[in-house]
């Protein structure tokens, strides 16, 4: 038996309905969200970019 969360299902239905309005076109969805952001009276605070690691600090995984 699979556990079901009605809230998660509702959010997924809403997300699908919103994406369907734009024929699942991510560029169109992005443009719509930017228009809504611009029209909003709320202050939008962008997340700061993640710091970049120097090439010698990046973890390298070797194949087994």
N, C-alpha and C. Protein backbone atom coordinates (compact mmCIF):
# COMPACT_ATOMS: atom_id res chain seq x y z
N UNK A 1 0.85 -1.19 0.00
CA UNK A 1 0.00 0.00 0.00
C UNK A 1 0.89 1.24 0.00
N UNK A 2 0.56 2.17 -0.86
CA UNK A 2 1.32 3.41 -0.98
C UNK A 2 0.67 4.50 -0.14
N UNK A 3 1.49 5.21 0.62
CA UNK A 3 1.00 6.30 1.44
C UNK A 3 0.67 7.50 0.56
N UNK A 4 -0.47 8.15 0.81
CA UNK A 4 -0.90 9.29 0.00
C UNK A 4 -1.10 10.50 0.90
N UNK A 5 -0.61 11.62 0.44
CA UNK A 5 -0.78 12.87 1.18
C UNK A 5 -1.72 13.76 0.36
N UNK A 6 -2.91 14.06 0.88
CA UNK A 6 -3.87 14.85 0.10
C UNK A 6 -3.37 16.26 -0.21
N UNK A 7 -2.55 16.84 0.64
CA UNK A 7 -2.02 18.17 0.38
C UNK A 7 -1.05 18.14 -0.79
N UNK A 8 -0.17 17.14 -0.80
CA UNK A 8 0.78 16.99 -1.91
C UNK A 8 0.02 16.76 -3.21
N UNK A 9 -1.01 15.94 -3.18
CA UNK A 9 -1.80 15.68 -4.38
C UNK A 9 -2.48 16.96 -4.88
N UNK A 10 -2.99 17.77 -3.96
CA UNK A 10 -3.64 19.03 -4.35
C UNK A 10 -2.64 19.98 -4.99
N UNK A 11 -1.45 20.08 -4.41
CA UNK A 11 -0.41 20.95 -4.98
C UNK A 11 -0.01 20.46 -6.37
N UNK A 12 0.13 19.18 -6.52
CA UNK A 12 0.50 18.63 -7.83
C UNK A 12 -0.58 18.87 -8.87
N UNK A 13 -1.85 18.75 -8.47
CA UNK A 13 -2.95 19.04 -9.41
C UNK A 13 -2.93 20.51 -9.82
N UNK A 14 -2.70 21.41 -8.86
CA UNK A 14 -2.65 22.85 -9.15
C UNK A 14 -1.47 23.15 -10.07
N UNK A 15 -0.32 22.55 -9.79
CA UNK A 15 0.87 22.76 -10.63
C UNK A 15 0.61 22.28 -12.04
N UNK A 16 -0.01 21.13 -12.18
CA UNK A 16 -0.29 20.58 -13.50
C UNK A 16 -1.28 21.46 -14.26
N UNK A 17 -2.31 21.94 -13.57
CA UNK A 17 -3.30 22.81 -14.22
C UNK A 17 -2.65 24.11 -14.69
N UNK A 18 -1.76 24.66 -13.87
CA UNK A 18 -1.07 25.90 -14.26
C UNK A 18 -0.17 25.65 -15.47
N UNK A 19 0.60 24.58 -15.45
CA UNK A 19 1.50 24.28 -16.56
C UNK A 19 0.71 23.97 -17.84
N UNK A 20 -0.43 23.34 -17.69
CA UNK A 20 -1.25 22.99 -18.85
C UNK A 20 -1.74 24.24 -19.59
N UNK A 21 -1.96 25.34 -18.85
CA UNK A 21 -2.38 26.60 -19.48
C UNK A 21 -1.37 27.07 -20.52
N UNK A 22 -0.11 26.68 -20.33
CA UNK A 22 0.98 27.11 -21.21
C UNK A 22 1.51 25.96 -22.05
N UNK A 23 0.71 24.91 -22.16
CA UNK A 23 1.09 23.73 -22.93
C UNK A 23 2.44 23.18 -22.45
N UNK A 24 2.68 23.30 -21.14
CA UNK A 24 3.90 22.80 -20.48
C UNK A 24 5.17 23.43 -21.05
N UNK A 25 5.05 24.63 -21.62
CA UNK A 25 6.20 25.36 -22.18
C UNK A 25 6.87 26.14 -21.04
N UNK A 26 8.08 25.71 -20.65
CA UNK A 26 8.76 26.32 -19.51
C UNK A 26 9.08 27.79 -19.75
N UNK A 27 9.40 28.16 -20.99
CA UNK A 27 9.68 29.58 -21.28
C UNK A 27 8.43 30.43 -21.07
N UNK A 28 7.28 29.93 -21.50
CA UNK A 28 6.02 30.66 -21.32
C UNK A 28 5.65 30.75 -19.84
N UNK A 29 5.88 29.68 -19.11
CA UNK A 29 5.60 29.70 -17.67
C UNK A 29 6.50 30.72 -16.99
N UNK A 30 7.78 30.72 -17.34
CA UNK A 30 8.73 31.68 -16.77
C UNK A 30 8.29 33.12 -17.04
N UNK A 31 7.91 33.40 -18.29
CA UNK A 31 7.47 34.76 -18.64
C UNK A 31 6.24 35.16 -17.83
N UNK A 32 5.29 34.25 -17.67
CA UNK A 32 4.09 34.54 -16.89
C UNK A 32 4.44 34.83 -15.43
N UNK A 33 5.34 34.04 -14.87
CA UNK A 33 5.74 34.26 -13.48
C UNK A 33 6.46 35.60 -13.32
N UNK A 34 7.28 35.98 -14.30
CA UNK A 34 7.98 37.26 -14.22
C UNK A 34 6.98 38.43 -14.30
N UNK A 35 5.95 38.30 -15.13
CA UNK A 35 4.91 39.34 -15.20
C UNK A 35 4.20 39.45 -13.86
N UNK A 36 3.84 38.31 -13.28
CA UNK A 36 3.17 38.32 -11.98
C UNK A 36 4.08 38.90 -10.90
N UNK A 37 5.36 38.59 -10.96
CA UNK A 37 6.32 39.14 -10.01
C UNK A 37 6.39 40.66 -10.15
N UNK A 38 6.41 41.14 -11.38
CA UNK A 38 6.49 42.58 -11.65
C UNK A 38 5.23 43.30 -11.17
N UNK A 39 4.08 42.67 -11.32
CA UNK A 39 2.81 43.28 -10.93
C UNK A 39 2.56 43.21 -9.42
N UNK A 40 3.28 42.35 -8.76
CA UNK A 40 3.07 42.14 -7.32
C UNK A 40 3.52 43.35 -6.52
N UNK A 41 2.83 43.62 -5.45
CA UNK A 41 3.21 44.72 -4.55
C UNK A 41 4.24 44.25 -3.53
N UNK A 42 4.48 42.93 -3.49
CA UNK A 42 5.41 42.39 -2.52
C UNK A 42 6.85 42.55 -3.00
N UNK A 43 7.74 42.76 -2.06
CA UNK A 43 9.16 42.88 -2.36
C UNK A 43 9.72 41.49 -2.65
N UNK A 44 10.43 41.36 -3.75
CA UNK A 44 11.03 40.09 -4.13
C UNK A 44 12.52 40.17 -3.80
N UNK A 45 12.97 39.25 -2.97
CA UNK A 45 14.37 39.23 -2.58
C UNK A 45 15.03 38.02 -3.23
N UNK A 46 15.97 38.25 -4.12
CA UNK A 46 16.61 37.10 -4.78
C UNK A 46 17.56 36.37 -3.83
N UNK A 47 17.70 35.10 -4.07
CA UNK A 47 18.66 34.32 -3.28
C UNK A 47 20.07 34.65 -3.77
N UNK A 48 21.02 34.76 -2.86
CA UNK A 48 22.39 35.03 -3.30
C UNK A 48 22.94 33.82 -4.05
N UNK A 49 23.83 34.05 -5.01
CA UNK A 49 24.40 32.90 -5.73
C UNK A 49 25.25 32.05 -4.80
N UNK A 50 25.32 30.78 -5.11
CA UNK A 50 26.16 29.88 -4.32
C UNK A 50 27.62 30.18 -4.63
N UNK A 51 28.47 30.15 -3.62
CA UNK A 51 29.90 30.41 -3.89
C UNK A 51 30.48 29.31 -4.78
N UNK A 52 31.33 29.71 -5.69
CA UNK A 52 31.96 28.76 -6.59
C UNK A 52 33.21 28.18 -5.93
N UNK A 53 33.40 26.90 -6.09
CA UNK A 53 34.60 26.26 -5.57
C UNK A 53 35.71 26.34 -6.60
N UNK A 54 36.91 26.52 -6.12
CA UNK A 54 38.07 26.49 -7.01
C UNK A 54 38.22 25.08 -7.56
N UNK A 55 38.75 24.93 -8.78
CA UNK A 55 38.86 23.59 -9.37
C UNK A 55 39.60 22.60 -8.49
N UNK A 56 40.60 23.05 -7.73
CA UNK A 56 41.35 22.13 -6.89
C UNK A 56 40.57 21.73 -5.63
N UNK A 57 39.45 22.41 -5.33
CA UNK A 57 38.65 22.09 -4.16
C UNK A 57 37.45 21.21 -4.49
N UNK A 58 37.16 21.04 -5.76
CA UNK A 58 36.00 20.25 -6.15
C UNK A 58 36.29 18.77 -5.93
N UNK A 59 35.29 18.08 -5.44
CA UNK A 59 35.47 16.65 -5.21
C UNK A 59 35.39 15.92 -6.54
N UNK A 60 36.27 14.98 -6.72
CA UNK A 60 36.31 14.19 -7.93
C UNK A 60 36.09 12.74 -7.54
N UNK A 61 35.11 12.14 -8.18
CA UNK A 61 34.88 10.72 -7.90
C UNK A 61 35.51 9.91 -9.02
N UNK A 62 36.19 8.86 -8.62
CA UNK A 62 36.85 8.00 -9.58
C UNK A 62 35.96 6.78 -9.82
N UNK A 63 35.89 6.33 -11.06
CA UNK A 63 35.08 5.14 -11.34
C UNK A 63 35.63 3.92 -10.61
N UNK A 64 34.74 3.04 -10.21
CA UNK A 64 35.17 1.84 -9.47
C UNK A 64 35.78 0.81 -10.35
